[in-house]
Protein backbone atom coordinates (compact mmCIF):
# COMPACT_ATOMS: atom_id res chain seq x y z
CA MET A 1 -12.26 21.06 -15.52
CA LYS A 2 -12.19 22.40 -12.17
CA ARG A 3 -14.41 19.20 -10.38
CA PHE A 4 -12.13 16.78 -11.89
CA LEU A 5 -9.16 18.30 -10.33
CA SER A 6 -10.24 18.55 -6.51
CA VAL A 7 -8.69 17.65 -4.28
CA ASP A 8 -8.87 13.58 -3.54
CA PHE A 9 -7.76 12.98 -0.14
CA VAL A 10 -8.63 9.23 -0.65
CA ALA A 11 -6.42 8.84 -3.34
CA ILE A 12 -3.38 10.63 -1.69
CA SER A 13 -4.01 8.77 1.29
CA ILE A 14 -3.88 5.00 -0.58
CA GLY A 15 -0.37 6.65 -2.22
CA ALA A 16 1.36 8.11 0.59
CA VAL A 17 0.30 4.26 2.85
CA THR A 18 1.58 2.58 -0.15
CA MET A 19 4.86 4.26 -0.46
CA VAL A 20 5.30 4.20 4.04
CA LEU A 21 5.07 1.57 4.04
CA GLU A 22 7.49 -0.03 1.11
CA ILE A 23 10.10 2.42 2.26
CA THR A 24 10.27 1.19 5.66
CA GLY A 25 10.43 -1.85 4.52
CA PHE A 26 13.76 -1.95 3.73
CA GLY A 27 14.92 -1.17 7.19
CA LEU A 28 12.56 -4.34 8.13
CA PHE A 29 14.59 -6.53 5.51
CA ALA A 30 17.92 -5.56 6.16
CA PRO A 31 19.14 -7.47 9.47
CA TYR A 32 17.64 -10.54 8.10
CA PHE A 33 18.54 -10.60 4.00
CA GLY A 34 20.09 -7.47 3.97
CA ASN A 35 19.83 -4.49 1.47
CA ALA A 36 21.18 -6.32 -1.43
CA LEU A 37 19.77 -5.40 -5.13
CA ALA A 38 17.57 -8.64 -5.14
CA VAL A 39 15.87 -7.59 -1.76
CA SER A 40 14.99 -4.10 -3.16
CA SER A 41 13.91 -6.09 -6.36
CA ASN A 42 10.98 -8.28 -4.74
CA ILE A 43 10.12 -5.32 -2.49
CA ILE A 44 8.84 -3.23 -5.31
CA GLY A 45 8.04 -6.07 -7.63
CA ILE A 46 5.77 -7.78 -4.34
CA VAL A 47 4.32 -4.51 -3.91
CA LEU A 48 3.40 -3.68 -7.93
CA THR A 49 2.29 -7.57 -7.99
CA SER A 50 0.33 -7.03 -4.94
CA LEU A 51 -1.34 -3.67 -6.40
CA ALA A 52 -2.47 -5.41 -9.70
CA ILE A 53 -4.16 -7.91 -8.14
CA GLY A 54 -5.97 -5.32 -5.86
CA TYR A 55 -6.38 -3.83 -9.06
CA VAL A 56 -8.09 -6.62 -10.64
CA ILE A 57 -9.88 -7.77 -7.46
CA GLY A 58 -11.68 -4.29 -7.11
CA GLY A 59 -12.32 -4.24 -10.38
CA TYR A 60 -14.92 -6.74 -10.09
CA PHE A 61 -16.37 -5.44 -6.76
CA ALA A 62 -16.42 -2.38 -8.76
CA ASP A 63 -18.61 -3.34 -11.27
CA LYS A 64 -21.35 -4.74 -8.24
CA HIS A 65 -24.42 -3.85 -7.94
CA LYS A 66 -24.23 -3.98 -4.45
CA GLN A 67 -20.69 -4.12 -2.49
CA LYS A 68 -20.87 -5.57 0.32
CA PHE A 69 -17.97 -3.97 1.61
CA SER A 70 -17.43 -0.06 1.72
CA LEU A 71 -14.36 1.83 0.82
CA SER A 72 -13.63 2.43 4.78
CA ASP A 73 -14.71 -0.83 5.75
CA ILE A 74 -11.59 -2.05 3.38
CA LEU A 75 -9.22 0.62 4.04
CA PHE A 76 -9.64 -0.34 8.08
CA VAL A 77 -9.14 -4.45 7.11
CA GLY A 78 -5.69 -2.98 5.75
CA GLY A 79 -4.97 -1.30 9.01
CA LEU A 80 -5.34 -3.96 11.07
CA TYR A 81 -3.71 -6.15 8.94
CA ILE A 82 -0.38 -3.93 9.54
CA ALA A 83 -1.90 -3.06 12.65
CA VAL A 84 -1.91 -6.88 13.96
CA VAL A 85 0.83 -8.69 11.04
CA TYR A 86 3.92 -5.35 11.55
CA PRO A 87 4.54 -5.51 15.46
CA PHE A 88 5.47 -9.61 14.66
CA TYR A 89 7.81 -8.58 12.04
CA ASP A 90 10.87 -9.48 13.85
CA LEU A 91 9.80 -13.39 14.58
CA LEU A 92 8.75 -13.50 11.20
CA GLY A 93 11.85 -12.20 9.49
CA GLY A 94 13.66 -14.62 11.80
CA PHE A 95 11.47 -17.60 11.04
CA ILE A 96 11.49 -16.93 7.51
CA SER A 97 15.53 -16.62 7.45
CA SER A 98 15.84 -19.78 9.32
CA LEU A 99 14.41 -21.52 6.53
CA ARG A 100 17.33 -21.02 4.32
CA LEU A 101 15.30 -19.80 1.61
CA GLY A 102 18.17 -17.68 -0.02
CA ILE A 103 18.04 -13.73 0.33
CA VAL A 104 16.36 -14.23 -2.76
CA VAL A 105 13.03 -16.60 -2.32
CA GLY A 106 13.55 -15.26 1.24
CA SER A 107 12.89 -12.02 0.64
CA ALA A 108 10.18 -12.68 -1.47
CA VAL A 109 8.06 -14.48 0.68
CA TYR A 110 8.47 -11.98 3.48
CA ALA A 111 7.81 -9.57 0.94
CA THR A 112 4.46 -10.94 0.04
CA VAL A 113 3.53 -11.64 3.86
CA LEU A 114 4.09 -8.07 4.72
CA PHE A 115 2.76 -6.13 1.96
CA GLY A 116 0.73 -8.64 -0.03
CA PRO A 117 -2.76 -8.71 1.58
CA VAL A 118 -2.36 -4.70 2.49
CA ASP A 119 -1.45 -3.70 -0.83
CA VAL A 120 -4.29 -6.41 -2.45
CA LEU A 121 -6.52 -3.82 -0.04
CA LEU A 122 -5.19 -0.33 -1.28
CA GLY A 123 -5.33 -1.67 -4.84
CA VAL A 124 -9.35 -2.37 -4.30
CA ALA A 125 -9.65 0.60 -2.51
CA LEU A 126 -8.12 2.92 -5.13
CA THR A 127 -10.49 0.83 -8.12
CA LEU A 128 -13.23 1.37 -5.80
CA ARG A 129 -12.31 5.71 -5.30
CA VAL A 130 -11.85 5.25 -9.65
CA LYS A 131 -15.66 3.83 -9.68
CA MET A 132 -17.08 6.74 -6.86
CA LYS A 133 -15.19 9.11 -8.95
CA GLY A 134 -16.82 7.81 -12.23
CA LYS A 135 -19.91 8.57 -12.57
CA HIS A 136 -20.68 9.42 -15.67
CA LEU A 137 -19.29 7.90 -18.66
CA ALA A 138 -18.79 10.50 -20.74
CA THR A 139 -16.26 11.39 -18.12
CA VAL A 140 -14.94 8.17 -16.68
CA GLY A 141 -11.40 8.93 -18.78
CA ARG A 142 -11.04 12.42 -16.46
CA SER A 143 -12.19 10.85 -13.19
CA THR A 144 -9.82 7.44 -13.56
CA GLY A 145 -6.98 10.32 -14.64
CA ALA A 146 -7.56 12.50 -11.54
CA VAL A 147 -7.71 9.32 -9.33
CA TYR A 148 -4.33 8.09 -10.54
CA ALA A 149 -2.95 11.50 -10.42
CA TRP A 150 -3.63 12.40 -7.14
CA SER A 151 -3.03 9.12 -5.63
CA SER A 152 0.46 9.26 -7.35
CA PHE A 153 1.26 12.81 -5.66
CA GLY A 154 0.03 10.75 -2.78
CA SER A 155 2.96 8.31 -3.15
CA ILE A 156 5.67 11.40 -4.27
CA VAL A 157 4.74 12.51 -1.38
CA GLY A 158 4.69 9.34 1.19
CA THR A 159 7.94 8.97 -0.28
CA PHE A 160 9.67 12.38 0.65
CA PHE A 161 8.03 12.76 4.30
CA THR A 162 8.87 8.92 4.65
CA GLY A 163 12.67 9.63 3.95
CA PHE A 164 12.98 12.68 4.75
CA VAL A 165 10.58 13.40 7.51
CA LEU A 166 9.10 10.21 9.69
CA LEU A 167 12.77 8.25 9.48
CA GLU A 168 15.03 10.75 10.17
CA TYR A 169 13.21 12.29 12.77
CA SER A 170 11.34 9.59 14.34
CA ASN A 171 11.86 5.53 13.25
CA ILE A 172 10.60 2.75 11.02
CA PHE A 173 7.99 1.71 14.04
CA PHE A 174 6.08 5.63 14.63
CA SER A 175 6.25 5.21 10.92
CA ILE A 176 4.14 1.97 10.50
CA PHE A 177 1.96 3.32 13.70
CA ILE A 178 0.93 5.95 11.56
CA VAL A 179 0.23 4.34 8.56
CA VAL A 180 -1.96 2.18 10.45
CA LEU A 181 -3.92 5.48 11.97
CA TRP A 182 -4.28 7.13 8.57
CA CYS A 183 -5.89 3.92 6.95
CA MET A 184 -8.20 3.26 10.11
CA ALA A 185 -9.63 6.77 9.89
CA LEU A 186 -10.03 6.94 6.34
């Protein structure tokens, strides 16, 4: 039982990165769409939808015997996406806001652009991590449970760390920079 509970830093990191991006996203949306309940719902909904799509895609890739992409490749591309897109959040937010789509549709489009691709990749990565840990059919349930537990733990740590440390003592841009480095280092 002990080996199933060994610390899984990759799963922890995937959970933490997801939450750091989501929480910093609330600050990125405020100048363009405010902080209405509809905006928060769109951010959370798009993140969850993107993760779910990533889980399905990851399941497909995990079942392939010869994977063309490693877990590190996927996380690197996620970090690269953040590094390329997030510096232009101001231009993107201004542009999407100028389309006058309204708060609901506009914030959904903005959330899809900012979070969609990277959270799909994080979902793929977590599913591949499950495959890596679940080598034996007899223990796949415990392996899967352990990976998701560590990912949830990472989400909790990412939530509190972002809210009470990163954003308290730095700013959104530094927080996003940390996430880029984190993804690319895995």
